Amino acid sequence: MFRRLPQQGGTPRDVAEIVNRILDGKINSVGNLTLATGNATSTTLYDERISEESLILFAPANAAASGDEIPFGAFQDSTDQVAANTTTAYAVQFGTTDYSNGVSVASGSRITVKSPGVYNFQFSIQFVNTNSQIEDVDIWFRKNGTDIANSNSKYSVPNKHGSIDGHLIGALNFYVELVANDYVEIMWATTNVALSIQQLPAQTTPTRPATPSAIVTVNKVDESSTSDVWASNQTNGQCTVNHFSNNTANKVYRYVVLG
């Protein structure tokens, strides 16, 4: 912060110092804010330059905060998933987290985001059919426990041929608009319990990696998540900074106060 000049004016040296800093592109309205932790969703910012009319802008200032700009997640499962009957909808399970930044899996199937925005969900599910007839499977999206309209897809899985089971990969990407702490589930239902979601171990001759039963990747596709950090309840000298639920220590944002 610049030194303040007395009301009656400063010395030529004091004035020159401030003018030169302005000419060098420095402005007397920036600072750093470390977000509160403990899953806090707001942090109080104290700064004597804040007024009720101020415009306050935020940008990540360290690696911990920069990660918030690009929420993403990648999850998979390495277990067989079966249907007990044909009249029940089942949530696809994801037991392994490959990558997670602002997106996580809760209760095995609930893909949860901590920042609002539009997200692209892309899944790949390995279906197997052990029946001698072609069987169908439906896959759709559910948001916070409610089916998303017009989100269903139907796949026909080939029948068993000789001793070889029928296999099909169900794959799709789908955009969903979410707010903080919303969750999405990928649901499935089949016409015959002989159709299931299958994982396969690594294979040889030639060497091939294991086949997960289900894979999903999630990434935010709208504006930068730094728009999810904003000021409210401004008074002279302080304001409330609203943000996503934070439990990461030393997450620092640089801010500028205008007006």
C-alpha atoms as a PDB file:
ATOM      1  CA  MET A   1       0.000   0.000   0.000  1.00  0.00           C
ATOM      2  CA  PHE A   2       1.283   3.469  -0.880  1.00  0.00           C
ATOM      3  CA  ARG A   3       2.185   5.818   1.892  1.00  0.00           C
ATOM      4  CA  ARG A   4      -0.453   8.515   2.349  1.00  0.00           C
ATOM      5  CA  LEU A   5       0.419  12.150   1.835  1.00  0.00           C
ATOM      6  CA  PRO A   6      -0.594  14.684   4.467  1.00  0.00           C
ATOM      7  CA  GLN A   7      -3.651  16.817   3.671  1.00  0.00           C
ATOM      8  CA  GLN A   8      -1.456  19.882   3.266  1.00  0.00           C
ATOM      9  CA  GLY A   9       0.761  18.070   0.756  1.00  0.00           C
ATOM     10  CA  GLY A  10       3.972  16.099   0.920  1.00  0.00           C
ATOM     11  CA  THR A  11       7.576  16.782   0.121  1.00  0.00           C
ATOM     12  CA  PRO A  12       8.622  16.746  -3.550  1.00  0.00           C
ATOM     13  CA  ARG A  13      10.359  13.400  -2.861  1.00  0.00           C
ATOM     14  CA  ASP A  14       7.175  11.856  -1.418  1.00  0.00           C
ATOM     15  CA  VAL A  15       5.090  13.078  -4.336  1.00  0.00           C
ATOM     16  CA  ALA A  16       7.674  11.882  -6.877  1.00  0.00           C
ATOM     17  CA  GLU A  17       7.757   8.424  -5.294  1.00  0.00           C
ATOM     18  CA  ILE A  18       3.993   7.989  -5.643  1.00  0.00           C
ATOM     19  CA  VAL A  19       3.830   9.446  -9.156  1.00  0.00           C
ATOM     20  CA  ASN A  20       6.679   7.199 -10.323  1.00  0.00           C
ATOM     21  CA  ARG A  21       4.971   4.112  -8.925  1.00  0.00           C
ATOM     22  CA  ILE A  22       1.784   5.023 -10.782  1.00  0.00           C
ATOM     23  CA  LEU A  23       3.794   5.507 -13.984  1.00  0.00           C
ATOM     24  CA  ASP A  24       5.309   2.061 -13.423  1.00  0.00           C
ATOM     25  CA  GLY A  25       1.838   0.548 -13.451  1.00  0.00           C
ATOM     26  CA  LYS A  26       1.424   0.222  -9.688  1.00  0.00           C
ATOM     27  CA  ILE A  27      -1.915   1.163  -8.191  1.00  0.00           C
ATOM     28  CA  ASN A  28      -2.772   1.672  -4.568  1.00  0.00           C
ATOM     29  CA  SER A  29      -5.751  -0.687  -4.514  1.00  0.00           C
ATOM     30  CA  VAL A  30      -4.504  -4.296  -4.439  1.00  0.00           C
ATOM     31  CA  GLY A  31      -4.105  -6.865  -1.689  1.00  0.00           C
ATOM     32  CA  ASN A  32      -4.113 -10.571  -0.822  1.00  0.00           C
ATOM     33  CA  LEU A  33      -6.893 -12.612   0.782  1.00  0.00           C
ATOM     34  CA  THR A  34      -6.496 -16.112   2.235  1.00  0.00           C
ATOM     35  CA  LEU A  35      -9.778 -18.017   2.192  1.00  0.00           C
ATOM     36  CA  ALA A  36     -11.133 -19.366   5.464  1.00  0.00           C
ATOM     37  CA  THR A  37     -11.033 -23.161   5.843  1.00  0.00           C
ATOM     38  CA  GLY A  38     -13.183 -25.724   7.659  1.00  0.00           C
ATOM     39  CA  ASN A  39     -15.537 -25.950   4.646  1.00  0.00           C
ATOM     40  CA  ALA A  40     -16.222 -22.233   5.001  1.00  0.00           C
ATOM     41  CA  THR A  41     -18.263 -20.620   2.225  1.00  0.00           C
ATOM     42  CA  SER A  42     -17.326 -17.023   3.073  1.00  0.00           C
ATOM     43  CA  THR A  43     -14.352 -15.034   4.328  1.00  0.00           C
ATOM     44  CA  THR A  44     -14.359 -11.521   5.787  1.00  0.00           C
ATOM     45  CA  LEU A  45     -12.036  -9.101   4.020  1.00  0.00           C
ATOM     46  CA  TYR A  46     -10.809  -6.076   5.962  1.00  0.00           C
ATOM     47  CA  ASP A  47      -9.375  -3.222   3.874  1.00  0.00           C
ATOM     48  CA  GLU A  48      -9.712   0.480   4.615  1.00  0.00           C
ATOM     49  CA  ARG A  49     -10.033   1.223   0.886  1.00  0.00           C
ATOM     50  CA  ILE A  50     -13.359  -0.655   0.595  1.00  0.00           C
ATOM     51  CA  SER A  51     -16.561   1.362   0.463  1.00  0.00           C
ATOM     52  CA  GLU A  52     -20.189   0.498  -0.213  1.00  0.00           C
ATOM     53  CA  GLU A  53     -19.731   1.470  -3.888  1.00  0.00           C
ATOM     54  CA  SER A  54     -16.414  -0.310  -4.492  1.00  0.00           C
ATOM     55  CA  LEU A  55     -15.975  -2.872  -7.254  1.00  0.00           C
ATOM     56  CA  ILE A  56     -13.774  -5.698  -5.944  1.00  0.00           C
ATOM     57  CA  LEU A  57     -12.219  -8.210  -8.344  1.00  0.00           C
ATOM     58  CA  PHE A  58     -10.428 -11.455  -7.448  1.00  0.00           C
ATOM     59  CA  ALA A  59      -7.850 -13.666  -9.158  1.00  0.00           C
ATOM     60  CA  PRO A  60      -5.895 -16.730  -7.927  1.00  0.00           C
ATOM     61  CA  ALA A  61      -2.541 -15.816  -6.400  1.00  0.00           C
ATOM     62  CA  ASN A  62      -0.995 -19.242  -5.705  1.00  0.00           C
ATOM     63  CA  ALA A  63      -1.165 -22.838  -6.883  1.00  0.00           C
ATOM     64  CA  ALA A  64      -3.773 -23.801  -4.279  1.00  0.00           C
ATOM     65  CA  ALA A  65      -6.152 -21.151  -5.605  1.00  0.00           C
ATOM     66  CA  SER A  66      -5.316 -21.609  -9.302  1.00  0.00           C
ATOM     67  CA  GLY A  67      -6.658 -25.143  -9.190  1.00  0.00           C
ATOM     68  CA  ASP A  68     -10.149 -23.741  -8.637  1.00  0.00           C
ATOM     69  CA  GLU A  69     -10.154 -22.284 -12.146  1.00  0.00           C
ATOM     70  CA  ILE A  70     -10.477 -25.705 -13.770  1.00  0.00           C
ATOM     71  CA  PRO A  71     -12.787 -28.094 -11.881  1.00  0.00           C
ATOM     72  CA  PHE A  72     -12.503 -31.640 -13.207  1.00  0.00           C
ATOM     73  CA  GLY A  73     -12.749 -35.260 -12.167  1.00  0.00           C
ATOM     74  CA  ALA A  74     -12.055 -38.727 -13.568  1.00  0.00           C
ATOM     75  CA  PHE A  75     -13.458 -41.835 -11.896  1.00  0.00           C
ATOM     76  CA  GLN A  76     -13.751 -45.525 -12.691  1.00  0.00           C
ATOM     77  CA  ASP A  77     -14.842 -48.831 -11.217  1.00  0.00           C
ATOM     78  CA  SER A  78     -13.190 -52.253 -11.207  1.00  0.00           C
ATOM     79  CA  THR A  79     -16.097 -54.422 -10.028  1.00  0.00           C
ATOM     80  CA  ASP A  80     -18.915 -56.225 -11.798  1.00  0.00           C
ATOM     81  CA  GLN A  81     -22.250 -54.454 -11.407  1.00  0.00           C
ATOM     82  CA  VAL A  82     -25.402 -56.544 -11.744  1.00  0.00           C
ATOM     83  CA  ALA A  83     -29.142 -55.941 -11.773  1.00  0.00           C
ATOM     84  CA  ALA A  84     -31.250 -57.987  -9.353  1.00  0.00           C
ATOM     85  CA  ASN A  85     -34.361 -57.456 -11.496  1.00  0.00           C
ATOM     86  CA  THR A  86     -35.629 -55.620 -14.570  1.00  0.00           C
ATOM     87  CA  THR A  87     -38.006 -53.245 -12.769  1.00  0.00           C
ATOM     88  CA  THR A  88     -35.438 -51.338 -10.703  1.00  0.00           C
ATOM     89  CA  ALA A  89     -33.148 -48.502 -11.767  1.00  0.00           C
ATOM     90  CA  TYR A  90     -29.560 -48.810 -10.550  1.00  0.00           C
ATOM     91  CA  ALA A  91     -26.902 -46.142 -10.112  1.00  0.00           C
ATOM     92  CA  VAL A  92     -23.581 -46.850 -11.799  1.00  0.00           C
ATOM     93  CA  GLN A  93     -20.868 -47.119  -9.152  1.00  0.00           C
ATOM     94  CA  PHE A  94     -17.455 -45.449  -9.335  1.00  0.00           C
ATOM     95  CA  GLY A  95     -15.127 -46.849  -6.692  1.00  0.00           C
ATOM     96  CA  THR A  96     -11.804 -45.411  -7.870  1.00  0.00           C
ATOM     97  CA  THR A  97     -10.804 -41.758  -8.168  1.00  0.00           C
ATOM     98  CA  ASP A  98      -8.193 -41.109 -10.841  1.00  0.00           C
ATOM     99  CA  TYR A  99      -8.255 -37.298 -10.727  1.00  0.00           C
ATOM    100  CA  SER A 100     -10.268 -34.901  -8.621  1.00  0.00           C
ATOM    101  CA  ASN A 101     -10.263 -31.107  -8.438  1.00  0.00           C
ATOM    102  CA  GLY A 102     -13.533 -29.613  -7.265  1.00  0.00           C
ATOM    103  CA  VAL A 103     -15.409 -32.739  -8.381  1.00  0.00           C
ATOM    104  CA  SER A 104     -15.756 -35.851  -6.194  1.00  0.00           C
ATOM    105  CA  VAL A 105     -17.822 -39.020  -5.777  1.00  0.00           C
ATOM    106  CA  ALA A 106     -19.975 -39.493  -2.673  1.00  0.00           C
ATOM    107  CA  SER A 107     -21.844 -42.639  -1.632  1.00  0.00           C
ATOM    108  CA  GLY A 108     -20.245 -44.562  -4.485  1.00  0.00           C
ATOM    109  CA  SER A 109     -22.341 -43.019  -7.277  1.00  0.00           C
ATOM    110  CA  ARG A 110     -23.029 -39.336  -6.573  1.00  0.00           C
ATOM    111  CA  ILE A 111     -20.718 -37.199  -8.697  1.00  0.00           C
ATOM    112  CA  THR A 112     -20.642 -33.961  -6.714  1.00  0.00           C
ATOM    113  CA  VAL A 113     -19.357 -30.494  -7.663  1.00  0.00           C
ATOM    114  CA  LYS A 114     -18.392 -27.648  -5.368  1.00  0.00           C
ATOM    115  CA  SER A 115     -18.582 -24.825  -7.940  1.00  0.00           C
ATOM    116  CA  PRO A 116     -21.673 -23.779  -9.912  1.00  0.00           C
ATOM    117  CA  GLY A 117     -21.618 -23.947 -13.690  1.00  0.00           C
ATOM    118  CA  VAL A 118     -22.221 -26.113 -16.739  1.00  0.00           C
ATOM    119  CA  TYR A 119     -20.410 -29.464 -16.655  1.00  0.00           C
ATOM    120  CA  ASN A 120     -19.678 -32.006 -19.370  1.00  0.00           C
ATOM    121  CA  PHE A 121     -20.189 -35.605 -18.223  1.00  0.00           C
ATOM    122  CA  GLN A 122     -18.613 -38.288 -20.416  1.00  0.00           C
ATOM    123  CA  PHE A 123     -19.072 -41.951 -19.580  1.00  0.00           C
ATOM    124  CA  SER A 124     -17.911 -45.300 -20.938  1.00  0.00           C
ATOM    125  CA  ILE A 125     -19.624 -48.419 -19.578  1.00  0.00           C
ATOM    126  CA  GLN A 126     -18.660 -51.999 -20.437  1.00  0.00           C
ATOM    127  CA  PHE A 127     -21.803 -54.108 -20.873  1.00  0.00           C
ATOM    128  CA  VAL A 128     -21.883 -57.898 -21.180  1.00  0.00           C
ATOM    129  CA  ASN A 129     -24.774 -60.113 -22.239  1.00  0.00           C
ATOM    130  CA  THR A 130     -24.656 -63.813 -21.334  1.00  0.00           C
ATOM    131  CA  ASN A 131     -28.077 -64.561 -22.827  1.00  0.00           C
ATOM    132  CA  SER A 132     -28.661 -66.162 -26.242  1.00  0.00           C
ATOM    133  CA  GLN A 133     -30.923 -63.213 -27.180  1.00  0.00           C
ATOM    134  CA  ILE A 134     -30.038 -59.584 -27.810  1.00  0.00           C
ATOM    135  CA  GLU A 135     -30.885 -57.558 -24.699  1.00  0.00           C
ATOM    136  CA  ASP A 136     -31.464 -53.832 -24.236  1.00  0.00           C
ATOM    137  CA  VAL A 137     -30.163 -51.462 -21.577  1.00  0.00           C
ATOM    138  CA  ASP A 138     -31.220 -47.871 -20.818  1.00  0.00           C
ATOM    139  CA  ILE A 139     -28.800 -45.279 -19.424  1.00  0.00           C
ATOM    140  CA  TRP A 140     -29.840 -41.846 -18.201  1.00  0.00           C
ATOM    141  CA  PHE A 141     -28.824 -39.038 -15.864  1.00  0.00           C
ATOM    142  CA  ARG A 142     -30.289 -38.180 -12.490  1.00  0.00           C
ATOM    143  CA  LYS A 143     -29.634 -34.843 -10.723  1.00  0.00           C
ATOM    144  CA  ASN A 144     -30.056 -34.620  -6.951  1.00  0.00           C
ATOM    145  CA  GLY A 145     -32.256 -37.717  -7.046  1.00  0.00           C
ATOM    146  CA  THR A 146     -34.511 -36.561  -9.909  1.00  0.00           C
ATOM    147  CA  ASP A 147     -34.310 -37.901 -13.460  1.00  0.00           C
ATOM    148  CA  ILE A 148     -33.111 -35.312 -15.992  1.00  0.00           C
ATOM    149  CA  ALA A 149     -35.615 -34.931 -18.824  1.00  0.00           C
ATOM    150  CA  ASN A 150     -34.543 -36.181 -22.260  1.00  0.00           C
ATOM    151  CA  SER A 151     -31.311 -37.687 -20.945  1.00  0.00           C
ATOM    152  CA  ASN A 152     -31.950 -41.375 -21.688  1.00  0.00           C
ATOM    153  CA  SER A 153     -30.134 -43.529 -24.257  1.00  0.00           C
ATOM    154  CA  LYS A 154     -30.958 -47.117 -25.250  1.00  0.00           C
ATOM    155  CA  TYR A 155     -28.341 -49.669 -26.266  1.00  0.00           C
ATOM    156  CA  SER A 156     -28.847 -53.168 -27.670  1.00  0.00           C
ATOM    157  CA  VAL A 157     -26.143 -55.559 -26.457  1.00  0.00           C
ATOM    158  CA  PRO A 158     -25.338 -58.491 -28.764  1.00  0.00           C
ATOM    159  CA  ASN A 159     -26.302 -61.968 -27.683  1.00  0.00           C
ATOM    160  CA  LYS A 160     -23.880 -64.683 -26.629  1.00  0.00           C
ATOM    161  CA  HIS A 161     -22.403 -66.392 -29.690  1.00  0.00           C
ATOM    162  CA  GLY A 162     -21.019 -69.848 -29.070  1.00  0.00           C
ATOM    163  CA  SER A 163     -18.957 -69.647 -25.900  1.00  0.00           C
ATOM    164  CA  ILE A 164     -18.325 -65.915 -26.321  1.00  0.00           C
ATOM    165  CA  ASP A 165     -20.479 -63.468 -24.395  1.00  0.00           C
ATOM    166  CA  GLY A 166     -21.858 -60.438 -26.198  1.00  0.00           C
ATOM    167  CA  HIS A 167     -20.158 -57.123 -25.351  1.00  0.00           C
ATOM    168  CA  LEU A 168     -20.900 -53.465 -25.998  1.00  0.00           C
ATOM    169  CA  ILE A 169     -19.461 -50.174 -24.774  1.00  0.00           C
ATOM    170  CA  GLY A 170     -22.124 -47.604 -23.882  1.00  0.00           C
ATOM    171  CA  ALA A 171     -20.603 -44.131 -24.280  1.00  0.00           C
ATOM    172  CA  LEU A 172     -22.019 -40.613 -24.298  1.00  0.00           C
ATOM    173  CA  ASN A 173     -21.320 -37.066 -23.222  1.00  0.00           C
ATOM    174  CA  PHE A 174     -23.987 -34.837 -21.699  1.00  0.00           C
ATOM    175  CA  TYR A 175     -24.051 -31.236 -20.389  1.00  0.00           C
ATOM    176  CA  VAL A 176     -25.642 -30.547 -16.999  1.00  0.00           C
ATOM    177  CA  GLU A 177     -26.032 -27.179 -15.258  1.00  0.00           C
ATOM    178  CA  LEU A 178     -25.279 -27.430 -11.542  1.00  0.00           C
ATOM    179  CA  VAL A 179     -24.940 -25.279  -8.444  1.00  0.00           C
ATOM    180  CA  ALA A 180     -22.511 -25.866  -5.596  1.00  0.00           C
ATOM    181  CA  ASN A 181     -22.944 -29.282  -3.921  1.00  0.00           C
ATOM    182  CA  ASP A 182     -25.312 -30.621  -6.582  1.00  0.00           C
ATOM    183  CA  TYR A 183     -24.706 -34.229  -7.569  1.00  0.00           C
ATOM    184  CA  VAL A 184     -25.332 -36.300 -10.682  1.00  0.00           C
ATOM    185  CA  GLU A 185     -25.835 -40.056 -10.966  1.00  0.00           C
ATOM    186  CA  ILE A 186     -25.691 -42.213 -14.080  1.00  0.00           C
ATOM    187  CA  MET A 187     -28.584 -44.670 -13.933  1.00  0.00           C
ATOM    188  CA  TRP A 188     -29.170 -47.925 -15.788  1.00  0.00           C
ATOM    189  CA  ALA A 189     -31.888 -50.550 -16.220  1.00  0.00           C
ATOM    190  CA  THR A 190     -31.951 -53.705 -18.313  1.00  0.00           C
ATOM    191  CA  THR A 191     -34.499 -55.948 -20.011  1.00  0.00           C
ATOM    192  CA  ASN A 192     -32.803 -59.089 -18.647  1.00  0.00           C
ATOM    193  CA  VAL A 193     -30.589 -59.740 -15.611  1.00  0.00           C
ATOM    194  CA  ALA A 194     -28.278 -61.681 -17.925  1.00  0.00           C
ATOM    195  CA  LEU A 195     -27.069 -58.246 -19.024  1.00  0.00           C
ATOM    196  CA  SER A 196     -24.692 -56.584 -16.577  1.00  0.00           C
ATOM    197  CA  ILE A 197     -21.771 -54.182 -16.274  1.00  0.00           C
ATOM    198  CA  GLN A 198     -18.527 -56.127 -16.402  1.00  0.00           C
ATOM    199  CA  GLN A 199     -14.902 -55.549 -15.495  1.00  0.00           C
ATOM    200  CA  LEU A 200     -12.190 -57.616 -17.142  1.00  0.00           C
ATOM    201  CA  PRO A 201      -8.695 -58.340 -15.780  1.00  0.00           C
ATOM    202  CA  ALA A 202      -5.499 -57.681 -17.700  1.00  0.00           C
ATOM    203  CA  GLN A 203      -5.025 -60.100 -20.575  1.00  0.00           C
ATOM    204  CA  THR A 204      -2.086 -61.702 -22.339  1.00  0.00           C
ATOM    205  CA  THR A 205      -1.016 -62.693 -25.850  1.00  0.00           C
ATOM    206  CA  PRO A 206      -0.988 -59.881 -26.617  1.00  0.00           C
ATOM    207  CA  THR A 207      -0.678 -57.985 -23.335  1.00  0.00           C
ATOM    208  CA  ARG A 208      -3.714 -55.796 -22.695  1.00  0.00           C
ATOM    209  CA  PRO A 209      -4.574 -53.676 -19.651  1.00  0.00           C
ATOM    210  CA  ALA A 210      -7.540 -54.343 -17.410  1.00  0.00           C
ATOM    211  CA  THR A 211     -10.963 -53.156 -18.557  1.00  0.00           C
ATOM    212  CA  PRO A 212     -12.828 -51.035 -15.992  1.00  0.00           C
ATOM    213  CA  SER A 213     -16.534 -51.727 -15.734  1.00  0.00           C
ATOM    214  CA  ALA A 214     -17.336 -47.996 -15.822  1.00  0.00           C
ATOM    215  CA  ILE A 215     -15.430 -44.771 -16.509  1.00  0.00           C
ATOM    216  CA  VAL A 216     -16.667 -41.196 -16.190  1.00  0.00           C
ATOM    217  CA  THR A 217     -14.863 -37.899 -16.702  1.00  0.00           C
ATOM    218  CA  VAL A 218     -16.288 -34.520 -15.694  1.00  0.00           C
ATOM    219  CA  ASN A 219     -15.111 -31.025 -16.537  1.00  0.00           C
ATOM    220  CA  LYS A 220     -16.576 -27.564 -16.230  1.00  0.00           C
ATOM    221  CA  VAL A 221     -17.154 -25.945 -19.616  1.00  0.00           C
ATOM    222  CA  ASP A 222     -18.504 -22.457 -18.861  1.00  0.00           C
ATOM    223  CA  GLU A 223     -16.781 -19.354 -17.498  1.00  0.00           C
ATOM    224  CA  SER A 224     -13.776 -19.502 -15.162  1.00  0.00           C
ATOM    225  CA  SER A 225     -14.561 -20.570 -11.632  1.00  0.00           C
ATOM    226  CA  THR A 226     -12.950 -17.394 -10.298  1.00  0.00           C
ATOM    227  CA  SER A 227     -16.384 -15.847 -10.964  1.00  0.00           C
ATOM    228  CA  ASP A 228     -17.475 -17.988  -8.024  1.00  0.00           C
ATOM    229  CA  VAL A 229     -15.512 -15.697  -5.684  1.00  0.00           C
ATOM    230  CA  TRP A 230     -17.311 -12.399  -5.159  1.00  0.00           C
ATOM    231  CA  ALA A 231     -17.863  -9.634  -2.619  1.00  0.00           C
ATOM    232  CA  SER A 232     -21.093  -8.744  -0.811  1.00  0.00           C
ATOM    233  CA  ASN A 233     -22.234  -6.877   2.319  1.00  0.00           C
ATOM    234  CA  GLN A 234     -19.770  -4.075   1.623  1.00  0.00           C
ATOM    235  CA  THR A 235     -19.341  -1.384   4.254  1.00  0.00           C
ATOM    236  CA  ASN A 236     -16.579   1.121   4.810  1.00  0.00           C
ATOM    237  CA  GLY A 237     -13.451  -0.911   5.449  1.00  0.00           C
ATOM    238  CA  GLN A 238     -14.734  -4.449   4.994  1.00  0.00           C
ATOM    239  CA  CYS A 239     -16.866  -6.888   3.003  1.00  0.00           C
ATOM    240  CA  THR A 240     -17.905 -10.536   2.896  1.00  0.00           C
ATOM    241  CA  VAL A 241     -16.178 -12.628   0.240  1.00  0.00           C
ATOM    242  CA  ASN A 242     -18.420 -15.479  -0.890  1.00  0.00           C
ATOM    243  CA  HIS A 243     -16.852 -18.611  -2.336  1.00  0.00           C
ATOM    244  CA  PHE A 244     -17.255 -22.367  -2.769  1.00  0.00           C
ATOM    245  CA  SER A 245     -16.892 -24.594   0.288  1.00  0.00           C
ATOM    246  CA  ASN A 246     -13.176 -24.494   1.126  1.00  0.00           C
ATOM    247  CA  ASN A 247     -11.126 -26.897   3.182  1.00  0.00           C
ATOM    248  CA  THR A 248      -7.721 -26.168   1.623  1.00  0.00           C
ATOM    249  CA  ALA A 249      -5.192 -24.230   3.682  1.00  0.00           C
ATOM    250  CA  ASN A 250      -3.306 -21.222   2.278  1.00  0.00           C
ATOM    251  CA  LYS A 251      -5.617 -20.662  -0.679  1.00  0.00           C
ATOM    252  CA  VAL A 252      -4.710 -17.082  -1.606  1.00  0.00           C
ATOM    253  CA  TYR A 253      -6.534 -14.725  -3.961  1.00  0.00           C
ATOM    254  CA  ARG A 254      -5.196 -11.394  -5.169  1.00  0.00           C
ATOM    255  CA  TYR A 255      -7.813  -8.647  -5.237  1.00  0.00           C
ATOM    256  CA  VAL A 256      -8.181  -5.102  -6.517  1.00  0.00           C
ATOM    257  CA  VAL A 257     -10.510  -2.463  -5.096  1.00  0.00           C
ATOM    258  CA  LEU A 258     -11.900   0.034  -7.599  1.00  0.00           C
ATOM    259  CA  GLY A 259     -13.822   3.050  -6.405  1.00  0.00           C
END
